Structure formats: C-alpha cells, structure tokens
C-alpha atoms as a PDB file:
ATOM      1  CA  MET A   1      -3.043 -16.618  38.582  1.00  0.00           C
ATOM      2  CA  THR A   2      -5.293 -14.430  40.625  1.00  0.00           C
ATOM      3  CA  LYS A   3      -8.214 -13.924  38.257  1.00  0.00           C
ATOM      4  CA  SER A   4     -10.526 -16.587  36.924  1.00  0.00           C
ATOM      5  CA  ARG A   5      -9.604 -17.979  33.514  1.00  0.00           C
ATOM      6  CA  ALA A   6     -13.262 -17.599  32.583  1.00  0.00           C
ATOM      7  CA  THR A   7     -13.026 -13.807  32.971  1.00  0.00           C
ATOM      8  CA  GLN A   8     -12.611 -11.773  29.785  1.00  0.00           C
ATOM      9  CA  HIS A   9      -9.366  -9.837  30.289  1.00  0.00           C
ATOM     10  CA  LEU A  10      -8.882  -8.440  26.796  1.00  0.00           C
ATOM     11  CA  GLY A  11     -10.913  -5.940  24.850  1.00  0.00           C
ATOM     12  CA  VAL A  12     -12.415  -6.471  21.422  1.00  0.00           C
ATOM     13  CA  SER A  13      -9.751  -7.133  18.789  1.00  0.00           C
ATOM     14  CA  PRO A  14      -9.372  -4.635  15.948  1.00  0.00           C
ATOM     15  CA  SER A  15     -10.849  -5.683  12.618  1.00  0.00           C
ATOM     16  CA  PRO A  16      -8.536  -7.432  10.122  1.00  0.00           C
ATOM     17  CA  ASP A  17      -8.894  -4.412   7.824  1.00  0.00           C
ATOM     18  CA  THR A  18      -7.477  -2.178  10.566  1.00  0.00           C
ATOM     19  CA  LEU A  19      -4.448  -4.467  11.025  1.00  0.00           C
ATOM     20  CA  ARG A  20      -3.800  -5.227   7.354  1.00  0.00           C
ATOM     21  CA  GLY A  21      -0.320  -4.101   6.360  1.00  0.00           C
ATOM     22  CA  ARG A  22       0.676  -3.266   9.948  1.00  0.00           C
ATOM     23  CA  PHE A  23       1.486  -6.763  11.210  1.00  0.00           C
ATOM     24  CA  PRO A  24       4.402  -8.884   9.966  1.00  0.00           C
ATOM     25  CA  VAL A  25       3.340 -11.891   7.932  1.00  0.00           C
ATOM     26  CA  CYS A  26       5.288 -15.055   7.261  1.00  0.00           C
ATOM     27  CA  THR A  27       3.761 -17.941   5.314  1.00  0.00           C
ATOM     28  CA  VAL A  28       4.926 -21.368   6.502  1.00  0.00           C
ATOM     29  CA  PRO A  29       4.231 -24.413   4.303  1.00  0.00           C
ATOM     30  CA  ALA A  30       1.828 -26.914   5.866  1.00  0.00           C
ATOM     31  CA  SER A  31       4.480 -29.658   5.824  1.00  0.00           C
ATOM     32  CA  THR A  32       6.912 -27.622   7.973  1.00  0.00           C
ATOM     33  CA  THR A  33       7.749 -29.034  11.409  1.00  0.00           C
ATOM     34  CA  THR A  34       7.641 -26.377  14.113  1.00  0.00           C
ATOM     35  CA  TYR A  35       8.787 -26.468  17.737  1.00  0.00           C
ATOM     36  CA  ARG A  36       7.833 -24.605  20.870  1.00  0.00           C
ATOM     37  CA  THR A  37      10.700 -23.827  23.249  1.00  0.00           C
ATOM     38  CA  HIS A  38      11.177 -21.965  26.494  1.00  0.00           C
ATOM     39  CA  GLY A  39      14.043 -20.987  28.783  1.00  0.00           C
ATOM     40  CA  ALA A  40      14.877 -23.296  31.703  1.00  0.00           C
ATOM     41  CA  LYS A  41      13.816 -20.737  34.321  1.00  0.00           C
ATOM     42  CA  PHE A  42      10.402 -20.127  32.737  1.00  0.00           C
ATOM     43  CA  ALA A  43       7.619 -22.700  32.619  1.00  0.00           C
ATOM     44  CA  PRO A  44       6.121 -23.388  29.195  1.00  0.00           C
ATOM     45  CA  TRP A  45       2.740 -21.984  28.335  1.00  0.00           C
ATOM     46  CA  TRP A  46       0.194 -24.693  27.948  1.00  0.00           C
ATOM     47  CA  PHE A  47      -2.529 -25.014  25.379  1.00  0.00           C
ATOM     48  CA  GLY A  48      -5.770 -26.854  25.970  1.00  0.00           C
ATOM     49  CA  THR A  49      -9.021 -27.675  24.260  1.00  0.00           C
ATOM     50  CA  SER A  50     -11.428 -26.591  27.017  1.00  0.00           C
ATOM     51  CA  LEU A  51     -11.800 -23.138  25.392  1.00  0.00           C
ATOM     52  CA  GLY A  52     -11.286 -21.706  28.893  1.00  0.00           C
ATOM     53  CA  GLY A  53      -7.849 -20.292  28.088  1.00  0.00           C
ATOM     54  CA  ARG A  54      -6.672 -17.541  25.798  1.00  0.00           C
ATOM     55  CA  PHE A  55      -4.918 -19.854  23.350  1.00  0.00           C
ATOM     56  CA  ASP A  56      -7.265 -22.842  23.532  1.00  0.00           C
ATOM     57  CA  LEU A  57      -8.520 -24.351  20.298  1.00  0.00           C
ATOM     58  CA  PRO A  58     -11.437 -26.684  19.717  1.00  0.00           C
ATOM     59  CA  GLY A  59     -10.323 -30.344  19.726  1.00  0.00           C
ATOM     60  CA  PRO A  60      -8.443 -32.062  18.245  1.00  0.00           C
ATOM     61  CA  ASP A  61      -6.210 -29.009  17.625  1.00  0.00           C
END
C-alpha cells in the first residue's frame, strides 16, 4: 500500500434515499452462520477495530 491508511480515499457516499431501490438487498436471519473465503493466490482482506481501515468496526465487532 502506497498511501497512508489514515488518508480519506473515497468521496462522500450518496444518501440512502438516492440508493433506495437501486441496490440489491438480501435479508439474512441473525442466527445464520456466514463464512469469508478467498482464492489461494489472493490474501484475505483483514478487518480490524482501530477504525483506521475502510472496513473497521468499533470493538468488539
């Protein structure tokens, strides 16, 4: 990675009203087990709780 993870690389997201009806939706029951997979030649994305990454969530998520 050449740019700092602290740098904002994306613009402002469109409002939910703008996206409503244009994005596929699938409701998954809370009790459903899900898995994250990746091909052998690609490293998995990682998720953290530092809030320094794009997909980070506040702990303990």
